[in-house]
Amino acid sequence: MARVLYWNIQQFGINKINNPFFNRRQIGSTINMQQASTQRAQLILDTMTSNIPDIFVVIETSTGGGVEGSLITAGGQQGALDLLAKIRANAVLGANWMLVPPLILGQGGVSEGISVFYNSANLSFTGPWGWQGAANPSDSVANIGIGNLVGYAAPWNNCLPAVAVPGGSNINPGINSNQLAGQWLFTDNAMPPNRLQFPGIGNRPPYLTTFWDAANARTIKLLAYHAPPNFGPAANGTNQLSNVREMTNNLAANEAGVIVGDFNVNIFNAYFEPIAYNNLTGAAGYTRQINPTAAVFPDQGYVFTHMKHKYKNGATPWETNGYPTYGYLGSNNHFAGYDSIDNVLTRYGAAAGGPAANITIVNRITGSPYNAVMPTPGGAPPGHYAYTTGMAQIPVGMANAGSPVALPLPPNGPNGDGGYTPGNIGALRRFLGWDNYGKIRSASDHLPLIIDI
């Protein structure tokens, strides 16, 4: 199997992981912005190395200016390349890691990029589209012509290997990976075909990257999507994924289809959830990996993927909702209903292996999996992969060593749920401090997901 790590890293760019401002203080801390970004970068790398993936998808990468389908620029470009350098310099990850150069998705103020990193020792990037150079958008290899494909110019020239796609691949065999690109435009079955919108003109389309998995003699089709931030458009945009022929009608026997993203539709929303997912999990044949529990706490907290901000009426360590949610997972009052919005969907051709396994919500607050209360309430899914808390930990040699210092976990705390009684003096301030919730929430307001496909 291959392992995929997906993460919406909020407003990902150079300032997130290598901020140049060493003379400005990071809000909510005593350190400067450069030091804070170094700590965020380390949190990302620690998350990667805890359970090493084969593919790492980062959505919400900043774009800069340019036409749709062309390469991102400015802070997003710098951030993606800097993270690639950090991954390659990491002793556990190493120089085999590559980056599919991110493209501008959408138009106007809602555009963004998606950064797809992968381990070239295990997978070969196969496109599915080609690269024609300069400020042009990516396009199908057929439209460009094999003889017109080019390698990427600086600063993207070292992101992909100048190595031919293996002959076993059913996508672009014999073409060098560094002359290929992701796909950002999708059409329907009409003649002539119409462009699919997700759901309207200018909204961000999904981004398709494909890989040859030689160990399993299959192609992995990875479709990443960030839906618009409103329930109606988000539900309609997610539903439109079921019309992407590359992932449905044209999914071959040796192909595994994987859809990851922030779909901005809460799986507990009785009205919009069916609009978003019914066609994908019905006629399109996809299996959704994160599904609703009973709509009560603490059960539903086991599938939340969104974190609250740290200001007034935001995140708390109160035990009100119990482990693992407490008062920090979910959505804020002014932006309610975005509690469980990140997900993974999978489908397998007859010769592509499967089913997917070990889906885990990566929680760097409490740690993962959610096994502090067993059996889990109502049969809630605990997850599989182990991650330690990214907060300051209780030192070795003390009771509950390794647990977060600012959030008692079960069986500690009132009623065995962990957390603090609301109003506990000093508890909220300790919890929100930079070394605790502050640093992790500064990295992103979303929890990552990891899965074996």
Protein backbone atom coordinates (compact mmCIF):
# COMPACT_ATOMS: atom_id res chain seq x y z
CA MET A 1 0.00 0.00 0.00
CA ALA A 2 0.99 3.66 -0.26
CA ARG A 3 0.46 6.20 2.50
CA VAL A 4 -1.04 9.64 1.96
CA LEU A 5 -0.84 12.56 4.41
CA TYR A 6 -3.22 15.43 3.68
CA TRP A 7 -3.29 18.81 5.44
CA ASN A 8 -4.99 22.14 4.91
CA ILE A 9 -2.18 24.35 6.21
CA GLN A 10 -3.92 27.67 6.59
CA GLN A 11 -2.56 30.33 4.20
CA PHE A 12 0.56 28.31 3.49
CA GLY A 13 3.47 30.36 2.22
CA ILE A 14 6.98 31.41 3.17
CA ASN A 15 5.85 33.33 6.25
CA LYS A 16 4.33 30.17 7.67
CA ILE A 17 7.63 28.28 7.84
CA ASN A 18 10.46 30.79 7.27
CA ASN A 19 9.30 34.28 8.18
CA PRO A 20 12.07 36.84 7.61
CA PHE A 21 10.92 39.25 10.36
CA PHE A 22 13.23 38.58 13.29
CA ASN A 23 12.58 42.05 14.73
CA ARG A 24 8.81 41.64 15.10
CA ARG A 25 7.22 39.77 17.98
CA GLN A 26 4.89 36.85 17.28
CA ILE A 27 1.46 37.75 18.65
CA GLY A 28 0.67 35.76 21.77
CA SER A 29 4.28 34.86 22.51
CA THR A 30 7.61 36.24 23.69
CA ILE A 31 9.51 35.13 20.56
CA ASN A 32 9.88 36.84 17.20
CA MET A 33 8.10 35.93 13.96
CA GLN A 34 11.13 34.16 12.52
CA GLN A 35 11.47 31.94 15.58
CA ALA A 36 7.75 31.21 15.53
CA SER A 37 7.89 30.15 11.87
CA THR A 38 10.83 27.86 12.62
CA GLN A 39 8.74 26.13 15.26
CA ARG A 40 5.79 25.76 12.87
CA ALA A 41 8.10 24.24 10.26
CA GLN A 42 9.39 21.77 12.83
CA LEU A 43 5.82 20.82 13.75
CA ILE A 44 5.11 20.04 10.09
CA LEU A 45 8.29 17.98 9.73
CA ASP A 46 7.62 16.13 12.98
CA THR A 47 4.16 15.26 11.70
CA MET A 48 5.69 13.88 8.50
CA THR A 49 8.39 11.85 10.23
CA SER A 50 6.12 10.35 12.90
CA ASN A 51 4.54 8.13 10.24
CA ILE A 52 6.33 8.72 6.95
CA PRO A 53 3.94 9.11 4.02
CA ASP A 54 4.61 8.44 0.35
CA ILE A 55 2.59 11.50 -0.68
CA PHE A 56 2.05 14.73 1.29
CA VAL A 57 -0.69 17.07 0.06
CA VAL A 58 -0.83 20.68 1.28
CA ILE A 59 -3.88 22.66 0.24
CA GLU A 60 -4.38 26.40 0.70
CA THR A 61 -1.00 27.29 -0.76
CA SER A 62 -0.85 31.00 -1.65
CA THR A 63 -0.61 31.76 -5.37
CA GLY A 64 0.50 35.29 -6.28
CA GLY A 65 -0.45 36.59 -9.72
CA GLY A 66 -0.78 34.75 -13.02
CA VAL A 67 -3.26 33.03 -15.30
CA GLU A 68 -5.17 29.99 -14.16
CA GLY A 69 -3.21 26.79 -14.63
CA SER A 70 0.17 28.55 -14.60
CA LEU A 71 2.74 28.28 -11.83
CA ILE A 72 2.16 29.96 -8.48
CA THR A 73 4.44 32.87 -7.57
CA ALA A 74 5.37 35.08 -4.60
CA GLY A 75 5.07 33.76 -1.03
CA GLY A 76 3.40 30.49 -1.98
CA GLN A 77 6.18 29.68 -4.41
CA GLN A 78 8.83 30.49 -1.82
CA GLY A 79 7.02 28.48 0.86
CA ALA A 80 6.56 25.37 -1.28
CA LEU A 81 10.22 25.39 -2.35
CA ASP A 82 11.44 26.09 1.18
CA LEU A 83 9.41 23.20 2.57
CA LEU A 84 10.83 20.93 -0.15
CA ALA A 85 14.34 21.96 0.88
CA LYS A 86 13.55 21.29 4.54
CA ILE A 87 12.11 17.87 3.71
CA ARG A 88 15.16 16.93 1.66
CA ALA A 89 17.50 18.13 4.41
CA ASN A 90 15.68 16.05 7.03
CA ALA A 91 17.69 12.95 7.90
CA VAL A 92 14.59 10.75 8.10
CA LEU A 93 12.95 11.95 4.87
CA GLY A 94 15.85 12.71 2.54
CA ALA A 95 16.75 13.75 -0.98
CA ASN A 96 14.33 11.42 -2.80
CA TRP A 97 11.43 13.74 -2.00
CA MET A 98 10.01 15.73 -4.91
CA LEU A 99 7.39 18.42 -5.44
CA VAL A 100 4.87 18.68 -8.26
CA PRO A 101 5.10 22.42 -9.07
CA PRO A 102 1.82 23.93 -7.81
CA LEU A 103 -0.49 25.67 -10.29
CA ILE A 104 -2.93 28.55 -9.85
CA LEU A 105 -6.42 27.15 -9.26
CA GLY A 106 -9.40 29.47 -9.66
CA GLN A 107 -9.52 33.13 -10.56
CA GLY A 108 -9.55 36.44 -8.73
CA GLY A 109 -9.41 36.63 -4.96
CA VAL A 110 -10.39 32.99 -4.41
CA SER A 111 -7.48 31.34 -6.23
CA GLU A 112 -4.95 29.16 -4.47
CA GLY A 113 -2.46 26.40 -5.12
CA ILE A 114 -2.08 22.82 -3.94
CA SER A 115 1.40 21.50 -3.16
CA VAL A 116 1.89 17.75 -3.71
CA PHE A 117 5.14 16.33 -2.34
CA TYR A 118 6.07 12.67 -2.94
CA ASN A 119 8.85 10.17 -2.34
CA SER A 120 10.36 9.31 -5.73
CA ALA A 121 11.99 6.19 -4.27
CA ASN A 122 8.52 4.66 -4.05
CA LEU A 123 6.44 6.44 -6.70
CA SER A 124 6.90 7.95 -10.17
CA PHE A 125 5.06 11.15 -11.09
CA THR A 126 3.14 10.62 -14.32
CA GLY A 127 1.18 13.87 -14.77
CA PRO A 128 -1.43 13.36 -16.14
CA TRP A 129 -0.84 16.60 -18.09
CA GLY A 130 2.26 18.09 -19.63
CA TRP A 131 4.34 21.23 -19.19
CA GLN A 132 4.90 23.67 -22.08
CA GLY A 133 7.02 26.23 -20.30
CA ALA A 134 7.10 29.97 -19.59
CA ALA A 135 3.91 31.50 -18.18
CA ASN A 136 1.66 29.05 -20.01
CA PRO A 137 -0.81 26.85 -18.18
CA SER A 138 -0.40 23.10 -18.10
CA ASP A 139 -2.35 21.21 -20.76
CA SER A 140 -2.88 17.65 -21.94
CA VAL A 141 0.12 16.00 -23.55
CA ALA A 142 -1.97 15.48 -26.69
CA ASN A 143 -2.72 19.21 -26.98
CA ILE A 144 0.88 20.27 -26.36
CA GLY A 145 2.51 17.52 -28.39
CA ILE A 146 5.24 15.29 -26.96
CA GLY A 147 7.92 17.13 -28.93
CA ASN A 148 6.89 20.45 -27.38
CA LEU A 149 7.11 19.34 -23.75
CA VAL A 150 9.83 21.07 -21.74
CA GLY A 151 11.39 20.83 -18.32
CA TYR A 152 10.62 23.45 -15.68
CA ALA A 153 12.71 26.60 -15.53
CA ALA A 154 14.23 27.99 -12.33
CA PRO A 155 13.25 28.09 -9.52
CA TRP A 156 11.19 24.93 -10.18
CA ASN A 157 13.86 23.11 -12.18
CA ASN A 158 14.97 20.80 -9.36
CA CYS A 159 11.52 19.81 -8.09
CA LEU A 160 10.98 16.80 -10.34
CA PRO A 161 13.41 14.16 -11.64
CA ALA A 162 14.50 14.10 -15.28
CA VAL A 163 13.65 10.41 -15.31
CA ALA A 164 11.30 8.66 -17.73
CA VAL A 165 7.98 7.35 -16.45
CA PRO A 166 8.35 3.54 -16.30
CA GLY A 167 6.99 1.53 -19.19
CA GLY A 168 4.45 -0.25 -16.96
CA SER A 169 2.54 2.97 -16.36
CA ASN A 170 -0.70 3.48 -18.28
CA ILE A 171 -0.16 7.27 -18.14
CA ASN A 172 2.68 8.93 -20.08
CA PRO A 173 5.21 6.06 -20.16
CA GLY A 174 8.59 7.11 -21.47
CA ILE A 175 8.15 10.83 -20.80
CA ASN A 176 10.38 12.46 -18.21
CA SER A 177 8.57 13.38 -14.99
CA ASN A 178 10.03 16.89 -15.08
CA GLN A 179 8.12 17.56 -18.32
CA LEU A 180 4.76 16.66 -16.79
CA ALA A 181 2.23 18.59 -14.71
CA GLY A 182 -0.98 18.28 -12.75
CA GLN A 183 -4.42 18.73 -14.32
CA TRP A 184 -6.63 21.66 -13.33
CA LEU A 185 -9.37 21.74 -16.00
CA PHE A 186 -12.09 19.11 -16.39
CA THR A 187 -14.87 18.70 -18.94
CA ASP A 188 -18.18 16.89 -19.35
CA ASN A 189 -19.32 14.37 -21.96
CA ALA A 190 -20.94 16.89 -24.33
CA MET A 191 -19.67 17.39 -27.87
CA PRO A 192 -17.97 19.80 -27.89
CA PRO A 193 -17.26 19.33 -24.17
CA ASN A 194 -18.07 21.98 -21.59
CA ARG A 195 -15.78 22.91 -18.73
CA LEU A 196 -16.96 21.64 -15.35
CA GLN A 197 -17.30 24.36 -12.70
CA PHE A 198 -16.87 23.73 -8.98
CA PRO A 199 -19.54 24.99 -8.76
CA GLY A 200 -19.29 28.38 -10.53
CA ILE A 201 -17.01 30.37 -12.82
CA GLY A 202 -13.88 31.47 -10.97
CA ASN A 203 -14.25 28.97 -8.12
CA ARG A 204 -11.25 26.76 -7.37
CA PRO A 205 -11.26 23.53 -9.38
CA PRO A 206 -9.81 20.31 -8.00
CA TYR A 207 -6.22 19.39 -8.82
CA LEU A 208 -5.34 15.96 -10.24
CA THR A 209 -1.90 14.41 -9.93
CA THR A 210 -1.09 10.84 -10.95
CA PHE A 211 1.61 8.41 -9.85
CA TRP A 212 2.88 5.02 -10.96
CA ASP A 213 3.14 2.69 -7.96
CA ALA A 214 5.53 0.04 -9.28
CA ALA A 215 5.45 -2.08 -6.11
CA ASN A 216 1.72 -2.62 -6.58
CA ALA A 217 1.63 -2.38 -10.41
CA ARG A 218 -1.02 0.35 -10.35
CA THR A 219 -1.66 4.01 -11.01
CA ILE A 220 -2.73 6.28 -8.15
CA LYS A 221 -5.02 9.11 -9.22
CA LEU A 222 -5.00 11.74 -6.50
CA LEU A 223 -7.63 14.48 -6.73
CA ALA A 224 -7.26 17.29 -4.17
CA TYR A 225 -10.00 19.87 -3.65
CA HIS A 226 -10.69 22.93 -1.52
CA ALA A 227 -14.37 23.83 -1.76
CA PRO A 228 -15.73 27.40 -1.46
CA PRO A 229 -16.29 28.50 2.16
CA ASN A 230 -20.09 28.58 2.13
CA PHE A 231 -22.40 25.61 2.62
CA GLY A 232 -24.36 25.83 -0.64
CA PRO A 233 -21.48 26.37 -3.07
CA ALA A 234 -19.33 23.92 -1.09
CA ALA A 235 -21.95 21.18 -1.32
CA ASN A 236 -22.51 21.77 -5.03
CA GLY A 237 -18.79 21.95 -5.76
CA THR A 238 -18.13 18.70 -3.88
CA ASN A 239 -21.01 17.02 -5.69
CA GLN A 240 -19.47 18.11 -9.01
CA LEU A 241 -16.46 15.90 -8.24
CA SER A 242 -18.67 12.93 -9.09
CA ASN A 243 -18.68 14.20 -12.71
CA VAL A 244 -14.89 14.20 -13.10
CA ARG A 245 -14.58 11.44 -15.68
CA GLU A 246 -10.92 10.81 -14.90
CA MET A 247 -12.00 9.62 -11.44
CA THR A 248 -15.22 7.83 -12.38
CA ASN A 249 -16.02 6.63 -15.92
CA ASN A 250 -12.34 6.50 -16.88
CA LEU A 251 -10.96 4.83 -13.74
CA ALA A 252 -9.21 1.76 -15.13
CA ALA A 253 -8.81 -1.66 -13.54
CA ASN A 254 -5.24 -0.93 -12.37
CA GLU A 255 -6.09 2.53 -11.01
CA ALA A 256 -6.84 3.63 -7.45
CA GLY A 257 -8.87 6.82 -7.13
CA VAL A 258 -8.18 8.96 -4.05
CA ILE A 259 -10.02 12.21 -3.33
CA VAL A 260 -8.73 14.38 -0.47
CA GLY A 261 -9.73 17.82 0.62
CA ASP A 262 -11.42 20.42 2.71
CA PHE A 263 -14.96 20.07 1.42
CA ASN A 264 -16.39 22.78 3.72
CA VAL A 265 -19.48 20.63 4.32
CA ASN A 266 -19.96 19.32 7.84
CA ILE A 267 -20.74 15.59 7.75
CA PHE A 268 -23.30 16.27 10.51
CA ASN A 269 -25.24 18.76 8.35
CA ALA A 270 -28.46 16.92 7.50
CA TYR A 271 -29.31 19.16 4.54
CA PHE A 272 -26.00 19.85 2.77
CA GLU A 273 -24.15 16.59 3.49
CA PRO A 274 -26.32 14.49 1.13
CA ILE A 275 -26.00 17.12 -1.61
CA ALA A 276 -22.23 17.01 -1.29
CA TYR A 277 -21.60 13.29 -0.98
CA ASN A 278 -24.50 11.12 -2.16
CA ASN A 279 -23.41 10.96 -5.80
CA LEU A 280 -19.78 10.32 -4.87
CA THR A 281 -20.59 7.48 -2.47
CA GLY A 282 -23.46 6.22 -4.62
CA ALA A 283 -23.19 6.02 -8.41
CA ALA A 284 -19.51 7.10 -8.45
CA GLY A 285 -18.60 4.20 -6.16
CA TYR A 286 -16.38 6.01 -3.65
CA THR A 287 -16.02 5.08 0.01
CA ARG A 288 -15.88 8.00 2.42
CA GLN A 289 -13.37 7.37 5.19
CA ILE A 290 -14.65 9.73 7.91
CA ASN A 291 -18.35 9.38 8.70
CA PRO A 292 -20.73 10.78 11.31
CA THR A 293 -21.01 9.33 14.78
CA ALA A 294 -23.97 9.97 17.03
CA ALA A 295 -24.48 13.74 17.07
CA VAL A 296 -23.68 14.04 20.77
CA PHE A 297 -20.52 14.74 22.74
CA PRO A 298 -18.07 13.23 23.26
CA ASP A 299 -18.84 10.89 20.31
CA GLN A 300 -18.87 13.46 17.52
CA GLY A 301 -15.64 15.02 18.68
CA TYR A 302 -13.84 11.91 17.48
CA VAL A 303 -14.43 12.96 13.84
CA PHE A 304 -13.99 16.76 14.11
CA THR A 305 -11.21 18.15 11.89
CA HIS A 306 -11.45 21.90 12.52
CA MET A 307 -10.02 24.00 15.39
CA LYS A 308 -11.29 27.19 16.97
CA HIS A 309 -9.34 30.43 17.13
CA LYS A 310 -7.69 31.42 20.42
CA TYR A 311 -9.42 34.72 21.07
CA LYS A 312 -12.60 35.65 22.97
CA ASN A 313 -15.28 32.95 22.74
CA GLY A 314 -12.73 30.71 21.03
CA ALA A 315 -10.81 27.61 22.10
CA THR A 316 -10.88 26.42 25.70
CA PRO A 317 -9.58 23.38 27.61
CA TRP A 318 -12.88 22.96 29.47
CA GLU A 319 -14.13 19.42 29.97
CA THR A 320 -17.66 20.34 28.83
CA ASN A 321 -17.53 18.28 25.63
CA GLY A 322 -15.14 15.67 26.99
CA TYR A 323 -12.15 13.94 25.40
CA PRO A 324 -10.86 14.53 22.72
CA THR A 325 -12.78 17.67 21.76
CA TYR A 326 -13.06 19.68 24.97
CA GLY A 327 -13.67 23.28 23.85
CA TYR A 328 -11.04 23.68 21.13
CA LEU A 329 -12.23 21.41 18.31
CA GLY A 330 -15.10 22.50 16.08
CA SER A 331 -16.03 25.90 14.74
CA ASN A 332 -16.39 29.36 16.22
CA ASN A 333 -19.76 30.96 16.88
CA HIS A 334 -19.39 33.47 14.03
CA PHE A 335 -18.35 30.70 11.62
CA ALA A 336 -20.50 27.84 12.87
CA GLY A 337 -21.07 24.47 11.28
CA TYR A 338 -17.57 23.73 9.95
CA ASP A 339 -16.73 21.02 12.46
CA SER A 340 -15.91 17.93 10.38
CA ILE A 341 -15.09 19.16 6.89
CA ASP A 342 -11.86 17.40 5.84
CA ASN A 343 -12.13 13.93 4.40
CA VAL A 344 -10.72 11.21 2.14
CA LEU A 345 -12.68 9.16 -0.39
CA THR A 346 -11.32 6.09 -2.16
CA ARG A 347 -12.25 3.77 -5.02
CA TYR A 348 -10.30 0.86 -6.50
CA GLY A 349 -10.23 -0.74 -9.90
CA ALA A 350 -10.37 -4.54 -9.95
CA ALA A 351 -6.56 -4.84 -10.12
CA ALA A 352 -5.65 -1.82 -7.96
CA GLY A 353 -5.66 -3.35 -4.49
CA GLY A 354 -7.59 -1.88 -1.62
CA PRO A 355 -9.55 -1.30 0.45
CA ALA A 356 -8.03 1.75 2.13
CA ALA A 357 -7.02 1.28 5.76
CA ASN A 358 -5.90 3.03 8.94
CA ILE A 359 -7.53 6.43 8.43
CA THR A 360 -6.35 8.63 11.29
CA ILE A 361 -7.15 12.19 12.28
CA VAL A 362 -3.76 13.58 13.29
CA ASN A 363 -4.30 15.53 16.51
CA ARG A 364 -1.16 17.24 17.80
CA ILE A 365 -3.08 18.63 20.82
CA THR A 366 -4.10 15.43 22.62
CA GLY A 367 -2.10 13.10 20.42
CA SER A 368 -3.46 10.33 18.21
CA PRO A 369 -4.97 7.79 18.09
CA TYR A 370 -7.86 8.60 20.41
CA ASN A 371 -7.29 5.69 22.77
CA ALA A 372 -7.35 7.40 26.17
CA VAL A 373 -10.92 6.19 26.68
CA MET A 374 -11.51 2.60 25.65
CA PRO A 375 -13.86 1.35 24.45
CA THR A 376 -14.62 4.59 22.64
CA PRO A 377 -18.02 6.17 23.31
CA GLY A 378 -20.67 4.84 20.96
CA GLY A 379 -18.04 3.00 18.94
CA ALA A 380 -16.46 6.25 17.71
CA PRO A 381 -13.40 5.61 15.50
CA PRO A 382 -10.16 6.05 17.47
CA GLY A 383 -7.82 6.09 14.46
CA HIS A 384 -4.69 4.02 14.01
CA TYR A 385 -1.40 5.93 13.69
CA ALA A 386 0.44 7.25 16.74
CA TYR A 387 1.31 10.94 17.11
CA THR A 388 2.51 12.66 20.25
CA THR A 389 1.18 15.98 21.41
CA GLY A 390 2.93 19.00 19.92
CA MET A 391 2.25 20.97 23.09
CA ALA A 392 4.70 21.21 25.97
CA GLN A 393 4.79 17.77 27.62
CA ILE A 394 4.90 16.60 31.21
CA PRO A 395 8.56 15.60 31.74
CA VAL A 396 9.78 12.03 31.91
CA GLY A 397 9.85 10.78 35.49
CA MET A 398 6.67 12.58 36.50
CA ALA A 399 3.16 11.18 36.59
CA ASN A 400 1.51 11.15 33.15
CA ALA A 401 4.82 11.88 31.41
CA GLY A 402 4.37 12.75 27.74
CA SER A 403 0.88 14.15 28.18
CA PRO A 404 0.29 17.84 27.39
CA VAL A 405 1.02 20.01 30.42
CA ALA A 406 -1.91 22.34 29.75
CA LEU A 407 -4.63 19.74 29.11
CA PRO A 408 -5.16 16.81 31.50
CA LEU A 409 -6.12 13.70 29.55
CA PRO A 410 -8.27 10.84 30.83
CA PRO A 411 -8.40 9.33 33.32
CA ASN A 412 -7.40 12.61 34.98
CA GLY A 413 -9.76 15.51 35.39
CA PRO A 414 -13.38 15.74 36.48
CA ASN A 415 -15.57 12.70 35.75
CA GLY A 416 -12.65 10.96 34.07
CA ASP A 417 -13.07 13.02 30.89
CA GLY A 418 -9.87 15.01 31.22
CA GLY A 419 -9.84 18.74 30.64
CA TYR A 420 -10.45 21.44 33.22
CA THR A 421 -13.59 22.50 35.04
CA PRO A 422 -14.85 25.71 33.38
CA GLY A 423 -13.38 28.72 35.12
CA ASN A 424 -10.36 26.94 36.57
CA ILE A 425 -8.03 29.83 37.38
CA GLY A 426 -5.11 30.11 34.97
CA ALA A 427 -6.04 27.02 32.95
CA LEU A 428 -7.26 28.89 29.89
CA ARG A 429 -4.20 31.13 29.72
CA ARG A 430 -1.82 28.17 30.06
CA PHE A 431 -3.68 26.23 27.40
CA LEU A 432 -3.69 29.10 24.89
CA GLY A 433 -0.01 29.92 25.42
CA TRP A 434 2.38 29.74 22.49
CA ASP A 435 4.13 26.56 23.66
CA ASN A 436 0.76 24.86 23.85
CA TYR A 437 -2.33 25.51 21.72
CA GLY A 438 -0.94 28.80 20.37
CA LYS A 439 1.83 27.23 18.27
CA ILE A 440 -0.30 24.42 16.86
CA ARG A 441 -3.24 26.66 15.98
CA SER A 442 -0.80 29.12 14.44
CA ALA A 443 0.28 26.37 12.03
CA SER A 444 -3.28 25.71 10.88
CA ASP A 445 -6.92 25.65 11.89
CA HIS A 446 -7.26 22.14 10.42
CA LEU A 447 -6.11 18.74 11.61
CA PRO A 448 -4.21 16.59 9.08
CA LEU A 449 -5.45 13.19 7.89
CA ILE A 450 -3.34 10.14 7.08
CA ILE A 451 -4.42 6.94 5.34
CA ASP A 452 -3.04 3.84 3.65
CA ILE A 453 -4.39 3.43 0.14
